[in-house]
Structure formats: structure tokens, C-alpha cells
Amino acid sequence: MKKELISKLISELEAEWETEGEPQRFPVELETGEVVEAEMLTVLDIGEDEYAIYAIPGKPGKKDIMASRVVQDADGYDTLVDLDDPAVKEIIRKFLEETMLKGGAPTQQA
């Protein structure tokens, strides 16, 4: 994806990176069947869809950053589904790479 789009996403977030209160936490089931607590980092609007960027426990003392598409289930609750679009995966990868290189930590909706 174009660098301009990534830069735009980052600049939209920079003013909102400070949060009030605790970050949202929610359970996530891993491929192994294990359920872990995730911490929401940000939600990105890409096209007409929303994508959740969140952290889960990784190696001791580390966290893994994950991304999923946000969809509403039949009852209207937000649920997370795997990313299936390679272009979206690339946008999110570049967004995270550039955000981390800037030393920022996304914490709010774009």
C-alpha cells in the first residue's frame, strides 16, 4: 500500500495516543484453544472495515501484536475474525512498523 496512506493513519493517531483510564481488555482464543487476555491498542478504519490491533502475552516479559477484522455477529456484538486480505495485512504491517519506529504506541481509534 502507498506510504501516504500509512503516514495519514499515523498522523491521525498521534494527537490521540494518550489515553484516559485503563485500556480495554478482552479474552481471545488462540489457535491452540488456549484463551488469553488481550489488550486493545487501537482500531483502524481501512476502507469500509474496522481492524483491531491488540497485544497478547508472548514470550516471558514480551507481548505479541495481533490484528483482526472487527465484524458484528447476529446479536450485534463486535467479534474478531482473521485477516484474509493480503493488501490489508500489508497496510497494517507497515502502519505498525512505522509507528514503532517513531516510538509511538497507538492506543485510540483512528
N, C-alpha and C. Protein backbone atom coordinates (compact mmCIF):
# COMPACT_ATOMS: atom_id res chain seq x y z
N MET A 1 0.84 -1.17 0.00
CA MET A 1 0.00 0.00 0.00
C MET A 1 0.88 1.24 0.00
N LYS A 2 0.31 2.34 -0.39
CA LYS A 2 1.09 3.56 -0.53
C LYS A 2 1.51 4.12 0.82
N LYS A 3 2.73 4.65 0.84
CA LYS A 3 3.28 5.22 2.06
C LYS A 3 2.44 6.39 2.55
N GLU A 4 1.80 7.12 1.64
CA GLU A 4 0.98 8.26 2.04
C GLU A 4 -0.18 7.82 2.93
N LEU A 5 -0.79 6.66 2.61
CA LEU A 5 -1.91 6.16 3.42
C LEU A 5 -1.43 5.81 4.82
N ILE A 6 -0.28 5.16 4.93
CA ILE A 6 0.26 4.80 6.24
C ILE A 6 0.58 6.06 7.03
N SER A 7 1.22 7.03 6.39
CA SER A 7 1.55 8.28 7.07
C SER A 7 0.31 9.00 7.54
N LYS A 8 -0.76 8.97 6.74
CA LYS A 8 -2.02 9.60 7.12
C LYS A 8 -2.61 8.92 8.36
N LEU A 9 -2.61 7.57 8.38
CA LEU A 9 -3.12 6.85 9.53
C LEU A 9 -2.33 7.22 10.79
N ILE A 10 -1.01 7.29 10.66
CA ILE A 10 -0.17 7.62 11.82
C ILE A 10 -0.46 9.04 12.29
N SER A 11 -0.52 10.00 11.38
CA SER A 11 -0.75 11.38 11.80
C SER A 11 -2.13 11.56 12.43
N GLU A 12 -3.13 10.78 11.98
CA GLU A 12 -4.45 10.87 12.59
C GLU A 12 -4.43 10.37 14.03
N LEU A 13 -3.54 9.44 14.32
CA LEU A 13 -3.48 8.87 15.66
C LEU A 13 -2.61 9.68 16.62
N GLU A 14 -1.60 10.36 16.13
CA GLU A 14 -0.62 10.98 17.01
C GLU A 14 -1.25 11.88 18.06
N ALA A 15 -2.28 12.62 17.70
CA ALA A 15 -2.92 13.51 18.66
C ALA A 15 -3.76 12.76 19.68
N GLU A 16 -4.07 11.50 19.43
CA GLU A 16 -4.97 10.75 20.30
C GLU A 16 -4.27 9.63 21.06
N TRP A 17 -2.95 9.55 21.07
CA TRP A 17 -2.26 8.41 21.66
C TRP A 17 -2.33 8.37 23.18
N GLU A 18 -2.58 9.49 23.83
CA GLU A 18 -2.70 9.46 25.28
C GLU A 18 -4.10 9.01 25.64
N THR A 19 -4.18 8.08 26.57
CA THR A 19 -5.48 7.56 26.97
C THR A 19 -5.84 8.00 28.36
N GLU A 20 -7.11 7.97 28.65
CA GLU A 20 -7.59 8.22 29.99
C GLU A 20 -8.08 6.89 30.53
N GLY A 21 -7.57 6.49 31.70
CA GLY A 21 -8.02 5.24 32.28
C GLY A 21 -7.28 4.05 31.72
N GLU A 22 -7.84 2.89 31.97
CA GLU A 22 -7.23 1.62 31.57
C GLU A 22 -7.62 1.24 30.15
N PRO A 23 -6.72 0.56 29.43
CA PRO A 23 -7.07 0.08 28.09
C PRO A 23 -8.12 -1.04 28.18
N GLN A 24 -8.88 -1.20 27.12
CA GLN A 24 -9.88 -2.25 27.06
C GLN A 24 -9.18 -3.61 27.03
N ARG A 25 -9.68 -4.54 27.81
CA ARG A 25 -9.14 -5.90 27.84
C ARG A 25 -10.28 -6.86 27.50
N PHE A 26 -9.92 -7.95 26.80
CA PHE A 26 -10.93 -8.90 26.37
C PHE A 26 -10.27 -10.26 26.13
N PRO A 27 -11.05 -11.35 26.23
CA PRO A 27 -10.47 -12.68 26.00
C PRO A 27 -10.34 -12.98 24.51
N VAL A 28 -9.26 -13.68 24.17
CA VAL A 28 -9.02 -14.12 22.81
C VAL A 28 -8.64 -15.60 22.85
N GLU A 29 -9.26 -16.39 21.97
CA GLU A 29 -8.91 -17.80 21.89
C GLU A 29 -7.85 -17.97 20.81
N LEU A 30 -6.73 -18.57 21.18
CA LEU A 30 -5.63 -18.81 20.25
C LEU A 30 -5.92 -20.06 19.43
N GLU A 31 -5.12 -20.27 18.38
CA GLU A 31 -5.27 -21.45 17.53
C GLU A 31 -5.12 -22.75 18.32
N THR A 32 -4.39 -22.67 19.43
CA THR A 32 -4.16 -23.85 20.26
C THR A 32 -5.37 -24.18 21.14
N GLY A 33 -6.35 -23.28 21.18
CA GLY A 33 -7.50 -23.45 22.04
C GLY A 33 -7.36 -22.73 23.37
N GLU A 34 -6.15 -22.26 23.68
CA GLU A 34 -5.90 -21.52 24.91
C GLU A 34 -6.58 -20.14 24.83
N VAL A 35 -7.16 -19.70 25.93
CA VAL A 35 -7.78 -18.38 25.99
C VAL A 35 -6.86 -17.48 26.81
N VAL A 36 -6.50 -16.32 26.21
CA VAL A 36 -5.62 -15.37 26.88
C VAL A 36 -6.30 -14.01 26.92
N GLU A 37 -5.82 -13.14 27.81
CA GLU A 37 -6.35 -11.78 27.89
C GLU A 37 -5.60 -10.88 26.91
N ALA A 38 -6.35 -10.20 26.06
CA ALA A 38 -5.77 -9.27 25.10
C ALA A 38 -5.99 -7.84 25.58
N GLU A 39 -5.12 -6.95 25.15
CA GLU A 39 -5.23 -5.53 25.47
C GLU A 39 -5.35 -4.75 24.17
N MET A 40 -6.45 -4.02 24.01
CA MET A 40 -6.68 -3.23 22.80
C MET A 40 -5.66 -2.11 22.71
N LEU A 41 -5.03 -1.99 21.54
CA LEU A 41 -4.09 -0.90 21.29
C LEU A 41 -4.75 0.20 20.47
N THR A 42 -5.42 -0.19 19.39
CA THR A 42 -6.11 0.80 18.56
C THR A 42 -7.06 0.08 17.62
N VAL A 43 -7.93 0.85 17.01
CA VAL A 43 -8.81 0.35 15.96
C VAL A 43 -8.58 1.23 14.74
N LEU A 44 -8.28 0.60 13.61
CA LEU A 44 -8.03 1.33 12.37
C LEU A 44 -9.20 1.16 11.42
N ASP A 45 -9.60 2.25 10.79
CA ASP A 45 -10.58 2.19 9.71
C ASP A 45 -9.79 2.13 8.41
N ILE A 46 -9.95 1.04 7.69
CA ILE A 46 -9.30 0.89 6.39
C ILE A 46 -10.41 0.56 5.41
N GLY A 47 -10.64 1.46 4.48
CA GLY A 47 -11.77 1.30 3.58
C GLY A 47 -13.05 1.38 4.40
N GLU A 48 -13.93 0.43 4.22
CA GLU A 48 -15.20 0.43 4.95
C GLU A 48 -15.16 -0.49 6.17
N ASP A 49 -14.01 -1.09 6.46
CA ASP A 49 -13.91 -2.04 7.56
C ASP A 49 -13.08 -1.49 8.71
N GLU A 50 -13.32 -2.07 9.91
CA GLU A 50 -12.54 -1.73 11.09
C GLU A 50 -11.63 -2.91 11.41
N TYR A 51 -10.43 -2.58 11.89
CA TYR A 51 -9.45 -3.59 12.25
C TYR A 51 -8.91 -3.29 13.64
N ALA A 52 -8.99 -4.28 14.52
CA ALA A 52 -8.49 -4.15 15.87
C ALA A 52 -7.02 -4.54 15.91
N ILE A 53 -6.21 -3.71 16.55
CA ILE A 53 -4.81 -4.01 16.80
C ILE A 53 -4.71 -4.20 18.31
N TYR A 54 -4.22 -5.36 18.72
CA TYR A 54 -4.21 -5.67 20.15
C TYR A 54 -2.96 -6.48 20.51
N ALA A 55 -2.66 -6.51 21.80
CA ALA A 55 -1.50 -7.24 22.30
C ALA A 55 -1.96 -8.42 23.13
N ILE A 56 -1.24 -9.54 22.98
CA ILE A 56 -1.49 -10.72 23.79
C ILE A 56 -0.16 -11.14 24.42
N PRO A 57 -0.21 -11.91 25.51
CA PRO A 57 1.05 -12.36 26.10
C PRO A 57 1.86 -13.19 25.10
N GLY A 58 3.16 -12.94 25.07
CA GLY A 58 4.05 -13.68 24.19
C GLY A 58 5.08 -14.42 25.03
N LYS A 59 6.32 -14.39 24.59
CA LYS A 59 7.41 -14.98 25.36
C LYS A 59 7.49 -14.27 26.70
N PRO A 60 8.08 -14.89 27.71
CA PRO A 60 8.15 -14.25 29.03
C PRO A 60 8.65 -12.80 28.95
N GLY A 61 7.86 -11.89 29.50
CA GLY A 61 8.21 -10.48 29.51
C GLY A 61 7.93 -9.75 28.21
N LYS A 62 7.35 -10.42 27.24
CA LYS A 62 7.08 -9.81 25.92
C LYS A 62 5.60 -9.92 25.59
N LYS A 63 5.17 -9.12 24.62
CA LYS A 63 3.80 -9.20 24.11
C LYS A 63 3.85 -9.36 22.61
N ASP A 64 2.90 -10.09 22.06
CA ASP A 64 2.76 -10.23 20.62
C ASP A 64 1.66 -9.28 20.16
N ILE A 65 1.89 -8.59 19.06
CA ILE A 65 0.91 -7.69 18.49
C ILE A 65 0.12 -8.45 17.44
N MET A 66 -1.20 -8.39 17.54
CA MET A 66 -2.09 -9.10 16.64
C MET A 66 -3.03 -8.10 15.97
N ALA A 67 -3.62 -8.51 14.85
CA ALA A 67 -4.61 -7.70 14.15
C ALA A 67 -5.72 -8.60 13.65
N SER A 68 -6.95 -8.13 13.77
CA SER A 68 -8.12 -8.87 13.30
C SER A 68 -9.14 -7.89 12.75
N ARG A 69 -9.97 -8.37 11.84
CA ARG A 69 -11.07 -7.55 11.33
C ARG A 69 -12.20 -7.61 12.34
N VAL A 70 -12.86 -6.48 12.57
CA VAL A 70 -13.98 -6.39 13.50
C VAL A 70 -15.27 -6.54 12.71
N VAL A 71 -16.09 -7.51 13.08
CA VAL A 71 -17.40 -7.70 12.45
C VAL A 71 -18.44 -7.86 13.56
N GLN A 72 -19.67 -7.54 13.23
CA GLN A 72 -20.75 -7.72 14.19
C GLN A 72 -21.40 -9.07 13.97
N ASP A 73 -21.64 -9.78 15.09
CA ASP A 73 -22.32 -11.07 14.98
C ASP A 73 -23.82 -10.84 14.86
N ALA A 74 -24.59 -11.91 14.82
CA ALA A 74 -26.05 -11.83 14.63
C ALA A 74 -26.74 -11.05 15.75
N ASP A 75 -26.11 -11.01 16.92
CA ASP A 75 -26.69 -10.29 18.06
C ASP A 75 -26.20 -8.85 18.15
N GLY A 76 -25.36 -8.42 17.20
CA GLY A 76 -24.87 -7.05 17.19
C GLY A 76 -23.61 -6.82 18.00
N TYR A 77 -22.99 -7.90 18.50
CA TYR A 77 -21.76 -7.76 19.26
C TYR A 77 -20.56 -7.78 18.32
N ASP A 78 -19.55 -6.98 18.65
CA ASP A 78 -18.31 -6.99 17.88
C ASP A 78 -17.57 -8.30 18.12
N THR A 79 -17.11 -8.91 17.04
CA THR A 79 -16.28 -10.10 17.13
C THR A 79 -15.07 -9.90 16.22
N LEU A 80 -14.03 -10.67 16.46
CA LEU A 80 -12.81 -10.56 15.69
C LEU A 80 -12.67 -11.76 14.77
N VAL A 81 -12.30 -11.50 13.52
CA VAL A 81 -12.06 -12.57 12.56
C VAL A 81 -10.68 -12.38 11.95
N ASP A 82 -10.11 -13.49 11.50
CA ASP A 82 -8.78 -13.47 10.90
C ASP A 82 -8.74 -12.56 9.68
N LEU A 83 -7.57 -11.99 9.45
CA LEU A 83 -7.35 -11.17 8.25
C LEU A 83 -7.21 -12.10 7.05
N ASP A 84 -7.93 -11.78 5.97
CA ASP A 84 -7.83 -12.62 4.78
C ASP A 84 -7.40 -11.86 3.54
N ASP A 85 -7.23 -10.55 3.66
CA ASP A 85 -6.86 -9.72 2.52
C ASP A 85 -5.38 -9.35 2.63
N PRO A 86 -4.55 -9.84 1.71
CA PRO A 86 -3.11 -9.54 1.76
C PRO A 86 -2.80 -8.04 1.73
N ALA A 87 -3.60 -7.25 1.02
CA ALA A 87 -3.37 -5.80 0.96
C ALA A 87 -3.59 -5.16 2.33
N VAL A 88 -4.62 -5.60 3.05
CA VAL A 88 -4.88 -5.06 4.39
C VAL A 88 -3.77 -5.49 5.34
N LYS A 89 -3.32 -6.73 5.23
CA LYS A 89 -2.22 -7.20 6.08
C LYS A 89 -0.99 -6.32 5.88
N GLU A 90 -0.73 -5.96 4.64
CA GLU A 90 0.44 -5.12 4.33
C GLU A 90 0.26 -3.71 4.89
N ILE A 91 -0.93 -3.14 4.79
CA ILE A 91 -1.18 -1.81 5.36
C ILE A 91 -0.94 -1.83 6.86
N ILE A 92 -1.48 -2.84 7.53
CA ILE A 92 -1.33 -2.93 8.98
C ILE A 92 0.13 -3.17 9.36
N ARG A 93 0.82 -4.04 8.62
CA ARG A 93 2.23 -4.30 8.90
C ARG A 93 3.05 -3.02 8.80
N LYS A 94 2.83 -2.26 7.72
CA LYS A 94 3.59 -1.02 7.53
C LYS A 94 3.21 0.02 8.58
N PHE A 95 1.93 0.09 8.93
CA PHE A 95 1.48 1.01 9.96
C PHE A 95 2.20 0.71 11.27
N LEU A 96 2.23 -0.54 11.67
CA LEU A 96 2.89 -0.92 12.92
C LEU A 96 4.39 -0.67 12.85
N GLU A 97 4.99 -1.01 11.74
CA GLU A 97 6.43 -0.81 11.57
C GLU A 97 6.78 0.67 11.70
N GLU A 98 6.05 1.53 11.02
CA GLU A 98 6.34 2.96 11.07
C GLU A 98 5.99 3.55 12.42
N THR A 99 4.93 3.07 13.04
CA THR A 99 4.55 3.57 14.35
C THR A 99 5.62 3.22 15.38
N MET A 100 6.07 1.98 15.35
CA MET A 100 7.10 1.55 16.30
C MET A 100 8.41 2.27 16.07
N LEU A 101 8.76 2.54 14.81
CA LEU A 101 9.99 3.26 14.52
C LEU A 101 9.93 4.69 15.04
N LYS A 102 8.73 5.27 15.07
CA LYS A 102 8.56 6.62 15.60
C LYS A 102 8.55 6.63 17.12
N GLY A 103 8.50 5.45 17.73
CA GLY A 103 8.49 5.37 19.18
C GLY A 103 7.13 5.56 19.79
N GLY A 104 6.09 5.56 18.97
CA GLY A 104 4.75 5.76 19.49
C GLY A 104 4.11 4.46 19.89
N ALA A 105 2.96 4.59 20.50
CA ALA A 105 2.18 3.42 20.88
C ALA A 105 0.73 3.72 20.62
N PRO A 106 0.16 3.19 19.53
CA PRO A 106 -1.23 3.50 19.22
C PRO A 106 -2.17 3.00 20.32
N THR A 107 -3.09 3.89 20.73
CA THR A 107 -3.99 3.50 21.80
C THR A 107 -5.43 3.94 21.56
N GLN A 108 -5.70 4.58 20.48
CA GLN A 108 -7.05 5.07 20.24
C GLN A 108 -7.48 4.76 18.83
N GLN A 109 -8.77 4.90 18.58
CA GLN A 109 -9.32 4.65 17.25
C GLN A 109 -8.84 5.70 16.28
N ALA A 110 -8.50 5.26 15.07
CA ALA A 110 -8.04 6.19 14.03
C ALA A 110 -9.21 6.93 13.45
